[in-house]
Amino acid sequence: MGNQVLLCILYDYYGELLTNKQQQYFKDYYFENLSLSEMSENYDISRNAIHKNLKETEEKLFYYEEKLKLYEKNKKIKKIIDKLDDDLKNKILELI
């Protein structure tokens, strides 16, 4: 899995823990596919400031996963669920 894909997954888990500015920059860059130059023009700040903010945001997302391990635990739970019989599997999936 690529780093960009992993960052987007981690954003789904931990995005609400970021500041509004971090969330907006992340969405613009990763989901809207805006370049640093486009974002710089939109927000009237330097490309370097946008780049620095994105790097800090990426580090935070990896830090949250390192400490909380929500994504890792979810993958393990899904592997366990896949081994269950269909009836029990469906009941559990309804709950999560």
N, C-alpha and C. Protein backbone atom coordinates (compact mmCIF):
# COMPACT_ATOMS: atom_id res chain seq x y z
N MET A 1 0.86 -1.18 0.00
CA MET A 1 0.00 0.00 0.00
C MET A 1 0.90 1.23 0.00
N GLY A 2 0.56 2.19 -0.83
CA GLY A 2 1.35 3.41 -0.91
C GLY A 2 1.17 4.31 0.30
N ASN A 3 2.14 5.16 0.50
CA ASN A 3 2.10 6.08 1.64
C ASN A 3 0.90 7.01 1.56
N GLN A 4 0.56 7.47 0.35
CA GLN A 4 -0.56 8.38 0.18
C GLN A 4 -1.88 7.70 0.56
N VAL A 5 -2.04 6.46 0.16
CA VAL A 5 -3.24 5.71 0.50
C VAL A 5 -3.33 5.52 2.01
N LEU A 6 -2.22 5.14 2.62
CA LEU A 6 -2.19 4.96 4.07
C LEU A 6 -2.54 6.25 4.80
N LEU A 7 -2.00 7.37 4.33
CA LEU A 7 -2.32 8.66 4.96
C LEU A 7 -3.81 8.97 4.87
N CYS A 8 -4.42 8.67 3.75
CA CYS A 8 -5.86 8.92 3.61
C CYS A 8 -6.68 8.03 4.55
N ILE A 9 -6.23 6.79 4.71
CA ILE A 9 -6.91 5.88 5.65
C ILE A 9 -6.75 6.41 7.07
N LEU A 10 -5.54 6.81 7.43
CA LEU A 10 -5.32 7.34 8.78
C LEU A 10 -6.11 8.62 9.00
N TYR A 11 -6.27 9.41 7.95
CA TYR A 11 -7.08 10.63 8.07
C TYR A 11 -8.52 10.27 8.43
N ASP A 12 -9.04 9.18 7.85
CA ASP A 12 -10.40 8.74 8.18
C ASP A 12 -10.52 8.41 9.67
N TYR A 13 -9.47 7.87 10.24
CA TYR A 13 -9.50 7.52 11.66
C TYR A 13 -9.25 8.72 12.57
N TYR A 14 -8.31 9.55 12.21
CA TYR A 14 -7.82 10.58 13.14
C TYR A 14 -8.01 12.01 12.68
N GLY A 15 -8.65 12.22 11.54
CA GLY A 15 -8.80 13.57 11.00
C GLY A 15 -9.44 14.56 11.95
N GLU A 16 -10.38 14.10 12.73
CA GLU A 16 -11.07 14.99 13.67
C GLU A 16 -10.15 15.49 14.78
N LEU A 17 -9.02 14.86 14.97
CA LEU A 17 -8.07 15.30 15.99
C LEU A 17 -7.15 16.42 15.48
N LEU A 18 -7.22 16.70 14.20
CA LEU A 18 -6.39 17.76 13.60
C LEU A 18 -7.09 19.11 13.71
N THR A 19 -6.31 20.17 13.59
CA THR A 19 -6.91 21.51 13.58
C THR A 19 -7.69 21.70 12.29
N ASN A 20 -8.57 22.70 12.27
CA ASN A 20 -9.35 22.98 11.07
C ASN A 20 -8.45 23.27 9.88
N LYS A 21 -7.38 24.03 10.10
CA LYS A 21 -6.46 24.37 9.04
C LYS A 21 -5.76 23.12 8.52
N GLN A 22 -5.32 22.25 9.41
CA GLN A 22 -4.67 21.01 8.99
C GLN A 22 -5.63 20.14 8.18
N GLN A 23 -6.87 20.08 8.62
CA GLN A 23 -7.87 19.29 7.90
C GLN A 23 -8.08 19.85 6.50
N GLN A 24 -8.21 21.17 6.40
CA GLN A 24 -8.47 21.78 5.10
C GLN A 24 -7.30 21.59 4.15
N TYR A 25 -6.08 21.81 4.61
CA TYR A 25 -4.91 21.62 3.76
C TYR A 25 -4.79 20.17 3.31
N PHE A 26 -5.03 19.26 4.24
CA PHE A 26 -4.93 17.83 3.91
C PHE A 26 -5.97 17.47 2.84
N LYS A 27 -7.20 17.90 3.04
CA LYS A 27 -8.26 17.61 2.06
C LYS A 27 -7.92 18.20 0.71
N ASP A 28 -7.48 19.44 0.69
CA ASP A 28 -7.15 20.09 -0.59
C ASP A 28 -6.04 19.34 -1.31
N TYR A 29 -5.03 18.93 -0.58
CA TYR A 29 -3.87 18.30 -1.20
C TYR A 29 -4.15 16.84 -1.59
N TYR A 30 -4.72 16.07 -0.67
CA TYR A 30 -4.88 14.64 -0.91
C TYR A 30 -6.20 14.26 -1.58
N PHE A 31 -7.27 14.98 -1.29
CA PHE A 31 -8.56 14.61 -1.86
C PHE A 31 -8.94 15.46 -3.07
N GLU A 32 -8.58 16.72 -3.06
CA GLU A 32 -8.89 17.61 -4.18
C GLU A 32 -7.75 17.68 -5.20
N ASN A 33 -6.61 17.09 -4.83
CA ASN A 33 -5.44 17.02 -5.70
C ASN A 33 -4.91 18.40 -6.12
N LEU A 34 -5.00 19.37 -5.23
CA LEU A 34 -4.45 20.69 -5.52
C LEU A 34 -2.94 20.67 -5.31
N SER A 35 -2.23 21.42 -6.11
CA SER A 35 -0.78 21.53 -5.95
C SER A 35 -0.47 22.50 -4.81
N LEU A 36 0.76 22.46 -4.34
CA LEU A 36 1.18 23.40 -3.30
C LEU A 36 1.04 24.84 -3.81
N SER A 37 1.35 25.06 -5.07
CA SER A 37 1.23 26.41 -5.64
C SER A 37 -0.22 26.89 -5.66
N GLU A 38 -1.13 26.00 -6.05
CA GLU A 38 -2.55 26.36 -6.06
C GLU A 38 -3.03 26.68 -4.65
N MET A 39 -2.63 25.86 -3.71
CA MET A 39 -3.04 26.09 -2.33
C MET A 39 -2.44 27.39 -1.81
N SER A 40 -1.21 27.65 -2.18
CA SER A 40 -0.53 28.88 -1.78
C SER A 40 -1.31 30.11 -2.25
N GLU A 41 -1.77 30.05 -3.49
CA GLU A 41 -2.57 31.15 -4.04
C GLU A 41 -3.91 31.26 -3.33
N ASN A 42 -4.56 30.13 -3.10
CA ASN A 42 -5.89 30.12 -2.46
C ASN A 42 -5.85 30.69 -1.05
N TYR A 43 -4.81 30.37 -0.31
CA TYR A 43 -4.74 30.78 1.10
C TYR A 43 -3.84 31.99 1.32
N ASP A 44 -3.22 32.47 0.25
CA ASP A 44 -2.36 33.65 0.30
C ASP A 44 -1.24 33.49 1.34
N ILE A 45 -0.61 32.31 1.30
CA ILE A 45 0.57 32.06 2.12
C ILE A 45 1.60 31.34 1.26
N SER A 46 2.81 31.22 1.73
CA SER A 46 3.88 30.64 0.91
C SER A 46 3.69 29.14 0.70
N ARG A 47 4.25 28.67 -0.40
CA ARG A 47 4.27 27.23 -0.69
C ARG A 47 4.96 26.49 0.45
N ASN A 48 6.03 27.08 0.95
CA ASN A 48 6.79 26.46 2.03
C ASN A 48 5.94 26.28 3.29
N ALA A 49 5.11 27.27 3.58
CA ALA A 49 4.24 27.17 4.76
C ALA A 49 3.22 26.05 4.59
N ILE A 50 2.68 25.92 3.38
CA ILE A 50 1.73 24.83 3.10
C ILE A 50 2.45 23.49 3.24
N HIS A 51 3.62 23.39 2.65
CA HIS A 51 4.39 22.15 2.69
C HIS A 51 4.72 21.76 4.14
N LYS A 52 5.15 22.72 4.92
CA LYS A 52 5.49 22.46 6.32
C LYS A 52 4.27 21.97 7.09
N ASN A 53 3.13 22.62 6.87
CA ASN A 53 1.89 22.22 7.55
C ASN A 53 1.50 20.80 7.17
N LEU A 54 1.60 20.47 5.89
CA LEU A 54 1.25 19.12 5.44
C LEU A 54 2.17 18.07 6.07
N LYS A 55 3.46 18.36 6.14
CA LYS A 55 4.41 17.42 6.74
C LYS A 55 4.10 17.21 8.22
N GLU A 56 3.78 18.29 8.92
CA GLU A 56 3.42 18.17 10.34
C GLU A 56 2.14 17.36 10.50
N THR A 57 1.19 17.56 9.62
CA THR A 57 -0.06 16.82 9.66
C THR A 57 0.18 15.34 9.43
N GLU A 58 1.00 15.01 8.43
CA GLU A 58 1.34 13.61 8.16
C GLU A 58 2.00 12.97 9.37
N GLU A 59 2.93 13.68 9.98
CA GLU A 59 3.62 13.16 11.17
C GLU A 59 2.62 12.90 12.30
N LYS A 60 1.66 13.82 12.46
CA LYS A 60 0.64 13.64 13.51
C LYS A 60 -0.19 12.39 13.24
N LEU A 61 -0.59 12.19 12.01
CA LEU A 61 -1.41 11.02 11.69
C LEU A 61 -0.65 9.73 11.99
N PHE A 62 0.61 9.67 11.61
CA PHE A 62 1.42 8.48 11.92
C PHE A 62 1.62 8.33 13.43
N TYR A 63 1.78 9.45 14.13
CA TYR A 63 1.95 9.41 15.58
C TYR A 63 0.68 8.86 16.26
N TYR A 64 -0.48 9.35 15.83
CA TYR A 64 -1.74 8.87 16.42
C TYR A 64 -1.89 7.37 16.20
N GLU A 65 -1.56 6.89 15.00
CA GLU A 65 -1.68 5.46 14.74
C GLU A 65 -0.67 4.67 15.56
N GLU A 66 0.53 5.21 15.71
CA GLU A 66 1.55 4.54 16.51
C GLU A 66 1.08 4.37 17.96
N LYS A 67 0.41 5.38 18.49
CA LYS A 67 -0.03 5.32 19.88
C LYS A 67 -1.36 4.60 20.06
N LEU A 68 -2.33 4.84 19.18
CA LEU A 68 -3.68 4.31 19.36
C LEU A 68 -3.94 3.01 18.61
N LYS A 69 -3.27 2.84 17.49
CA LYS A 69 -3.34 1.61 16.69
C LYS A 69 -4.76 1.23 16.26
N LEU A 70 -5.61 2.21 15.99
CA LEU A 70 -6.98 1.91 15.59
C LEU A 70 -7.05 1.21 14.24
N TYR A 71 -6.26 1.65 13.28
CA TYR A 71 -6.25 1.02 11.96
C TYR A 71 -5.72 -0.41 12.06
N GLU A 72 -4.63 -0.59 12.77
CA GLU A 72 -4.05 -1.92 12.93
C GLU A 72 -5.03 -2.87 13.61
N LYS A 73 -5.69 -2.41 14.66
CA LYS A 73 -6.65 -3.25 15.38
C LYS A 73 -7.84 -3.59 14.49
N ASN A 74 -8.28 -2.62 13.69
CA ASN A 74 -9.41 -2.87 12.80
C ASN A 74 -9.08 -3.94 11.76
N LYS A 75 -7.86 -3.92 11.23
CA LYS A 75 -7.44 -4.96 10.28
C LYS A 75 -7.45 -6.33 10.95
N LYS A 76 -6.99 -6.40 12.19
CA LYS A 76 -6.96 -7.69 12.90
C LYS A 76 -8.37 -8.20 13.16
N ILE A 77 -9.26 -7.29 13.55
CA ILE A 77 -10.65 -7.68 13.81
C ILE A 77 -11.30 -8.21 12.53
N LYS A 78 -11.06 -7.55 11.41
CA LYS A 78 -11.64 -8.01 10.14
C LYS A 78 -11.12 -9.39 9.75
N LYS A 79 -9.85 -9.68 10.03
CA LYS A 79 -9.31 -11.01 9.73
C LYS A 79 -10.01 -12.07 10.57
N ILE A 80 -10.25 -11.76 11.83
CA ILE A 80 -10.94 -12.71 12.72
C ILE A 80 -12.37 -12.93 12.25
N ILE A 81 -13.05 -11.83 11.89
CA ILE A 81 -14.44 -11.93 11.44
C ILE A 81 -14.53 -12.77 10.17
N ASP A 82 -13.57 -12.63 9.28
CA ASP A 82 -13.59 -13.39 8.02
C ASP A 82 -13.53 -14.89 8.26
N LYS A 83 -13.01 -15.32 9.40
CA LYS A 83 -12.88 -16.75 9.70
C LYS A 83 -14.16 -17.33 10.32
N LEU A 84 -15.10 -16.48 10.68
CA LEU A 84 -16.33 -16.94 11.33
C LEU A 84 -17.33 -17.46 10.30
N ASP A 85 -18.31 -18.25 10.79
CA ASP A 85 -19.36 -18.71 9.87
C ASP A 85 -20.24 -17.52 9.47
N ASP A 86 -20.92 -17.65 8.37
CA ASP A 86 -21.65 -16.54 7.77
C ASP A 86 -22.69 -15.91 8.68
N ASP A 87 -23.43 -16.73 9.43
CA ASP A 87 -24.48 -16.19 10.30
C ASP A 87 -23.89 -15.30 11.39
N LEU A 88 -22.87 -15.81 12.07
CA LEU A 88 -22.22 -15.03 13.13
C LEU A 88 -21.52 -13.82 12.54
N LYS A 89 -20.89 -14.00 11.40
CA LYS A 89 -20.19 -12.90 10.73
C LYS A 89 -21.16 -11.75 10.43
N ASN A 90 -22.32 -12.07 9.89
CA ASN A 90 -23.31 -11.04 9.55
C ASN A 90 -23.81 -10.31 10.78
N LYS A 91 -24.02 -11.04 11.86
CA LYS A 91 -24.47 -10.40 13.10
C LYS A 91 -23.43 -9.42 13.65
N ILE A 92 -22.18 -9.81 13.59
CA ILE A 92 -21.10 -8.93 14.07
C ILE A 92 -20.96 -7.73 13.16
N LEU A 93 -21.01 -7.93 11.85
CA LEU A 93 -20.86 -6.83 10.91
C LEU A 93 -21.99 -5.80 11.06
N GLU A 94 -23.17 -6.26 11.46
CA GLU A 94 -24.28 -5.33 11.70
C GLU A 94 -23.97 -4.40 12.87
N LEU A 95 -23.18 -4.88 13.82
CA LEU A 95 -22.85 -4.10 15.01
C LEU A 95 -21.75 -3.09 14.77
N ILE A 96 -20.87 -3.36 13.82
CA ILE A 96 -19.74 -2.45 13.62
C ILE A 96 -19.88 -1.57 12.41
